[in-house]
């Protein structure tokens, strides 16, 4: 799912005009730009915890609230295509990292504070959390744009995702 979600989002948004992505609500008051900003904040808060857990030098980490983090970023102000490329690159790095892990690494954990009682969270916990959380939002994109795509000047779904993956592999 982690690898597939960016492809699915790209596939249904590739022919959608930028103004629709910024203005048309797809989830309550949230536009596609807002939902993508939310996914990026969640990826920053949860997905980026995985390398910190694996680093092993931080037995206790402070949890980051994605709802607060989004207010500290410019993700909502960015053009959808720009923000999506960053999301796809970040995801490609995460998938590459996860694919490289030996089985025992998935159970590595750290103690997270900042939301009441400190909690142990493993690599597997956060990978599953990100995948499951995104699944619903990917469906929001698909319901909103799957049957109503109109031609626009956005790059193709494959080129955005593949270029992000290729860029990550070169790094």
C-alpha atoms as a PDB file:
ATOM      1  CA  UNK A   1       0.000   0.000   0.000  1.00  0.00           C
ATOM      2  CA  UNK A   2       2.771   2.435   0.864  1.00  0.00           C
ATOM      3  CA  UNK A   3       4.208   2.071  -2.615  1.00  0.00           C
ATOM      4  CA  UNK A   4       0.854   2.040  -4.385  1.00  0.00           C
ATOM      5  CA  UNK A   5      -0.823   5.063  -2.790  1.00  0.00           C
ATOM      6  CA  UNK A   6       1.212   7.745  -4.607  1.00  0.00           C
ATOM      7  CA  UNK A   7       0.565   5.961  -7.924  1.00  0.00           C
ATOM      8  CA  UNK A   8      -3.169   5.835  -7.275  1.00  0.00           C
ATOM      9  CA  UNK A   9      -3.320   9.518  -6.337  1.00  0.00           C
ATOM     10  CA  UNK A  10      -1.262  10.464  -9.385  1.00  0.00           C
ATOM     11  CA  UNK A  11      -3.447   8.363 -11.669  1.00  0.00           C
ATOM     12  CA  UNK A  12      -6.693  10.104 -10.705  1.00  0.00           C
ATOM     13  CA  UNK A  13      -5.270  13.637 -10.482  1.00  0.00           C
ATOM     14  CA  UNK A  14      -3.048  13.662 -13.575  1.00  0.00           C
ATOM     15  CA  UNK A  15      -5.700  15.248 -15.806  1.00  0.00           C
ATOM     16  CA  UNK A  16      -7.319  17.495 -13.221  1.00  0.00           C
ATOM     17  CA  UNK A  17      -6.867  21.230 -13.616  1.00  0.00           C
ATOM     18  CA  UNK A  18      -4.773  22.840 -10.878  1.00  0.00           C
ATOM     19  CA  UNK A  19      -7.621  25.211  -9.970  1.00  0.00           C
ATOM     20  CA  UNK A  20      -9.934  22.257  -9.263  1.00  0.00           C
ATOM     21  CA  UNK A  21      -7.315  20.623  -7.054  1.00  0.00           C
ATOM     22  CA  UNK A  22      -7.022  23.850  -5.067  1.00  0.00           C
ATOM     23  CA  UNK A  23     -10.692  24.907  -4.930  1.00  0.00           C
ATOM     24  CA  UNK A  24     -13.020  21.900  -5.171  1.00  0.00           C
ATOM     25  CA  UNK A  25     -13.755  20.256  -1.802  1.00  0.00           C
ATOM     26  CA  UNK A  26     -13.270  16.491  -1.802  1.00  0.00           C
ATOM     27  CA  UNK A  27     -13.538  15.818   1.953  1.00  0.00           C
ATOM     28  CA  UNK A  28     -15.758  18.211   3.871  1.00  0.00           C
ATOM     29  CA  UNK A  29     -14.144  21.608   3.361  1.00  0.00           C
ATOM     30  CA  UNK A  30     -10.813  20.081   2.359  1.00  0.00           C
ATOM     31  CA  UNK A  31      -9.642  20.318  -1.229  1.00  0.00           C
ATOM     32  CA  UNK A  32      -7.210  17.915  -2.897  1.00  0.00           C
ATOM     33  CA  UNK A  33      -4.419  20.339  -1.950  1.00  0.00           C
ATOM     34  CA  UNK A  34      -5.561  20.219   1.696  1.00  0.00           C
ATOM     35  CA  UNK A  35      -5.800  16.411   1.768  1.00  0.00           C
ATOM     36  CA  UNK A  36      -2.342  16.114   0.227  1.00  0.00           C
ATOM     37  CA  UNK A  37      -0.987  18.614   2.777  1.00  0.00           C
ATOM     38  CA  UNK A  38      -2.507  16.456   5.518  1.00  0.00           C
ATOM     39  CA  UNK A  39      -0.931  13.299   4.074  1.00  0.00           C
ATOM     40  CA  UNK A  40       2.440  15.026   3.932  1.00  0.00           C
ATOM     41  CA  UNK A  41       2.168  16.194   7.554  1.00  0.00           C
ATOM     42  CA  UNK A  42       1.248  12.646   8.605  1.00  0.00           C
ATOM     43  CA  UNK A  43       4.171  11.254   6.609  1.00  0.00           C
ATOM     44  CA  UNK A  44       6.469  13.762   8.299  1.00  0.00           C
ATOM     45  CA  UNK A  45       5.156  12.957  11.771  1.00  0.00           C
ATOM     46  CA  UNK A  46       4.757   9.179  11.488  1.00  0.00           C
ATOM     47  CA  UNK A  47       6.788   7.993   8.514  1.00  0.00           C
ATOM     48  CA  UNK A  48       9.839  10.011   9.459  1.00  0.00           C
ATOM     49  CA  UNK A  49       9.731   8.426  12.931  1.00  0.00           C
ATOM     50  CA  UNK A  50      10.792   5.131  11.350  1.00  0.00           C
ATOM     51  CA  UNK A  51      14.403   6.152  10.574  1.00  0.00           C
ATOM     52  CA  UNK A  52      14.666   7.620  14.087  1.00  0.00           C
ATOM     53  CA  UNK A  53      13.549   4.328  15.610  1.00  0.00           C
ATOM     54  CA  UNK A  54      16.025   2.436  13.452  1.00  0.00           C
ATOM     55  CA  UNK A  55      18.791   4.857  14.371  1.00  0.00           C
ATOM     56  CA  UNK A  56      18.612   3.411  17.855  1.00  0.00           C
ATOM     57  CA  UNK A  57      20.289   6.334  19.542  1.00  0.00           C
ATOM     58  CA  UNK A  58      17.015   7.805  20.733  1.00  0.00           C
ATOM     59  CA  UNK A  59      15.317   5.515  23.214  1.00  0.00           C
ATOM     60  CA  UNK A  60      12.713   8.203  23.938  1.00  0.00           C
ATOM     61  CA  UNK A  61      11.276  10.473  21.251  1.00  0.00           C
ATOM     62  CA  UNK A  62       8.683  13.192  21.370  1.00  0.00           C
ATOM     63  CA  UNK A  63       5.629  12.404  19.258  1.00  0.00           C
ATOM     64  CA  UNK A  64       4.646  14.976  16.654  1.00  0.00           C
ATOM     65  CA  UNK A  65       0.986  15.813  16.105  1.00  0.00           C
ATOM     66  CA  UNK A  66       0.355  15.992  12.333  1.00  0.00           C
ATOM     67  CA  UNK A  67      -2.545  18.411  12.920  1.00  0.00           C
ATOM     68  CA  UNK A  68      -0.186  20.881  14.559  1.00  0.00           C
ATOM     69  CA  UNK A  69       2.649  20.176  12.156  1.00  0.00           C
ATOM     70  CA  UNK A  70       0.556  21.093   9.125  1.00  0.00           C
ATOM     71  CA  UNK A  71       0.158  24.606  10.548  1.00  0.00           C
ATOM     72  CA  UNK A  72       3.950  24.959  10.673  1.00  0.00           C
ATOM     73  CA  UNK A  73       4.438  24.047   7.017  1.00  0.00           C
ATOM     74  CA  UNK A  74       3.678  25.714   3.693  1.00  0.00           C
ATOM     75  CA  UNK A  75       2.104  22.524   2.311  1.00  0.00           C
ATOM     76  CA  UNK A  76      -1.324  24.105   1.797  1.00  0.00           C
ATOM     77  CA  UNK A  77       0.183  27.025  -0.106  1.00  0.00           C
ATOM     78  CA  UNK A  78       2.105  24.868  -2.574  1.00  0.00           C
ATOM     79  CA  UNK A  79       0.825  23.902  -5.991  1.00  0.00           C
ATOM     80  CA  UNK A  80      -0.537  20.358  -5.979  1.00  0.00           C
ATOM     81  CA  UNK A  81       2.053  19.099  -8.487  1.00  0.00           C
ATOM     82  CA  UNK A  82       4.965  20.548  -6.474  1.00  0.00           C
ATOM     83  CA  UNK A  83       3.665  19.135  -3.217  1.00  0.00           C
ATOM     84  CA  UNK A  84       2.883  15.768  -4.787  1.00  0.00           C
ATOM     85  CA  UNK A  85       6.412  15.409  -6.163  1.00  0.00           C
ATOM     86  CA  UNK A  86       7.806  15.999  -2.664  1.00  0.00           C
ATOM     87  CA  UNK A  87       5.330  13.476  -1.226  1.00  0.00           C
ATOM     88  CA  UNK A  88       6.257  10.875  -3.867  1.00  0.00           C
ATOM     89  CA  UNK A  89       9.999  11.386  -3.289  1.00  0.00           C
ATOM     90  CA  UNK A  90       9.580  11.041   0.470  1.00  0.00           C
ATOM     91  CA  UNK A  91       7.499   7.908   0.001  1.00  0.00           C
ATOM     92  CA  UNK A  92      10.028   6.374  -2.406  1.00  0.00           C
ATOM     93  CA  UNK A  93      12.758   6.895   0.224  1.00  0.00           C
ATOM     94  CA  UNK A  94      10.592   5.276   2.905  1.00  0.00           C
ATOM     95  CA  UNK A  95       9.710   2.272   0.735  1.00  0.00           C
ATOM     96  CA  UNK A  96      13.371   1.824  -0.204  1.00  0.00           C
ATOM     97  CA  UNK A  97      14.314   1.879   3.490  1.00  0.00           C
ATOM     98  CA  UNK A  98      11.575  -0.563   4.489  1.00  0.00           C
ATOM     99  CA  UNK A  99      12.457  -2.988   1.678  1.00  0.00           C
ATOM    100  CA  UNK A 100      16.055  -3.065   2.925  1.00  0.00           C
ATOM    101  CA  UNK A 101      15.152  -4.057   6.486  1.00  0.00           C
ATOM    102  CA  UNK A 102      15.858  -7.509   7.826  1.00  0.00           C
ATOM    103  CA  UNK A 103      12.818  -9.077   9.526  1.00  0.00           C
ATOM    104  CA  UNK A 104      14.074  -8.371  13.057  1.00  0.00           C
ATOM    105  CA  UNK A 105      14.303  -4.624  12.360  1.00  0.00           C
ATOM    106  CA  UNK A 106      10.529  -4.327  11.956  1.00  0.00           C
ATOM    107  CA  UNK A 107      10.106  -4.918  15.686  1.00  0.00           C
ATOM    108  CA  UNK A 108      12.610  -2.240  16.742  1.00  0.00           C
ATOM    109  CA  UNK A 109      10.853   0.366  18.805  1.00  0.00           C
ATOM    110  CA  UNK A 110      11.213   3.573  20.768  1.00  0.00           C
ATOM    111  CA  UNK A 111       9.248   5.201  23.539  1.00  0.00           C
ATOM    112  CA  UNK A 112       7.171   8.148  22.356  1.00  0.00           C
ATOM    113  CA  UNK A 113       6.046  10.897  24.711  1.00  0.00           C
ATOM    114  CA  UNK A 114       3.870  13.941  24.216  1.00  0.00           C
ATOM    115  CA  UNK A 115       0.401  12.428  24.121  1.00  0.00           C
ATOM    116  CA  UNK A 116      -0.223  11.406  27.711  1.00  0.00           C
ATOM    117  CA  UNK A 117       1.211   8.074  28.798  1.00  0.00           C
ATOM    118  CA  UNK A 118       4.490   7.261  27.028  1.00  0.00           C
ATOM    119  CA  UNK A 119       3.962   4.533  24.428  1.00  0.00           C
ATOM    120  CA  UNK A 120       6.203   2.017  22.720  1.00  0.00           C
ATOM    121  CA  UNK A 121       5.930   2.250  18.949  1.00  0.00           C
ATOM    122  CA  UNK A 122       7.698  -0.040  16.513  1.00  0.00           C
ATOM    123  CA  UNK A 123       8.745   0.346  12.895  1.00  0.00           C
ATOM    124  CA  UNK A 124       5.930  -2.023  11.960  1.00  0.00           C
ATOM    125  CA  UNK A 125       3.397   0.021  13.948  1.00  0.00           C
ATOM    126  CA  UNK A 126       4.230   3.250  12.110  1.00  0.00           C
ATOM    127  CA  UNK A 127       4.459   1.623   8.669  1.00  0.00           C
ATOM    128  CA  UNK A 128       1.009   0.110   9.188  1.00  0.00           C
ATOM    129  CA  UNK A 129      -0.365   3.342  10.631  1.00  0.00           C
ATOM    130  CA  UNK A 130       0.697   5.389   7.616  1.00  0.00           C
ATOM    131  CA  UNK A 131      -0.609   2.802   5.127  1.00  0.00           C
ATOM    132  CA  UNK A 132      -3.974   2.365   6.815  1.00  0.00           C
ATOM    133  CA  UNK A 133      -4.505   6.064   7.406  1.00  0.00           C
ATOM    134  CA  UNK A 134      -3.718   6.928   3.808  1.00  0.00           C
ATOM    135  CA  UNK A 135      -6.001   4.236   2.406  1.00  0.00           C
ATOM    136  CA  UNK A 136      -9.143   6.242   3.238  1.00  0.00           C
ATOM    137  CA  UNK A 137      -7.694   9.445   1.811  1.00  0.00           C
ATOM    138  CA  UNK A 138      -6.638   7.734  -1.409  1.00  0.00           C
ATOM    139  CA  UNK A 139     -10.260   6.671  -1.794  1.00  0.00           C
ATOM    140  CA  UNK A 140     -11.333  10.304  -1.339  1.00  0.00           C
ATOM    141  CA  UNK A 141      -9.167  11.255  -4.320  1.00  0.00           C
ATOM    142  CA  UNK A 142     -10.549   8.371  -6.357  1.00  0.00           C
ATOM    143  CA  UNK A 143     -14.172   9.183  -5.556  1.00  0.00           C
ATOM    144  CA  UNK A 144     -13.674  12.856  -6.302  1.00  0.00           C
ATOM    145  CA  UNK A 145     -11.739  12.563  -9.542  1.00  0.00           C
ATOM    146  CA  UNK A 146     -11.869   8.984 -10.775  1.00  0.00           C
ATOM    147  CA  UNK A 147     -14.762   9.469 -13.206  1.00  0.00           C
ATOM    148  CA  UNK A 148     -14.584  13.214 -13.745  1.00  0.00           C
ATOM    149  CA  UNK A 149     -11.042  13.809 -14.893  1.00  0.00           C
ATOM    150  CA  UNK A 150     -10.667  16.546 -17.475  1.00  0.00           C
ATOM    151  CA  UNK A 151      -7.496  17.213 -19.456  1.00  0.00           C
ATOM    152  CA  UNK A 152      -5.023  19.601 -17.885  1.00  0.00           C
ATOM    153  CA  UNK A 153      -1.320  20.316 -18.138  1.00  0.00           C
ATOM    154  CA  UNK A 154      -0.284  18.122 -15.201  1.00  0.00           C
ATOM    155  CA  UNK A 155       2.409  15.486 -15.839  1.00  0.00           C
ATOM    156  CA  UNK A 156       1.304  11.892 -16.232  1.00  0.00           C
ATOM    157  CA  UNK A 157       0.898   9.716 -13.158  1.00  0.00           C
ATOM    158  CA  UNK A 158       3.771   7.487 -14.170  1.00  0.00           C
ATOM    159  CA  UNK A 159       6.215  10.272 -14.849  1.00  0.00           C
ATOM    160  CA  UNK A 160       5.700  11.980 -11.479  1.00  0.00           C
ATOM    161  CA  UNK A 161       6.041   8.802  -9.438  1.00  0.00           C
ATOM    162  CA  UNK A 162       8.787   7.278 -11.558  1.00  0.00           C
ATOM    163  CA  UNK A 163      10.830  10.466 -11.554  1.00  0.00           C
ATOM    164  CA  UNK A 164      10.553  10.644  -7.762  1.00  0.00           C
ATOM    165  CA  UNK A 165      11.617   7.018  -7.437  1.00  0.00           C
ATOM    166  CA  UNK A 166      14.507   7.478  -9.876  1.00  0.00           C
ATOM    167  CA  UNK A 167      15.656  10.620  -8.058  1.00  0.00           C
ATOM    168  CA  UNK A 168      15.635   8.749  -4.746  1.00  0.00           C
ATOM    169  CA  UNK A 169      17.592   5.817  -6.180  1.00  0.00           C
ATOM    170  CA  UNK A 170      20.262   8.186  -7.529  1.00  0.00           C
ATOM    171  CA  UNK A 171      20.696   9.776  -4.082  1.00  0.00           C
END
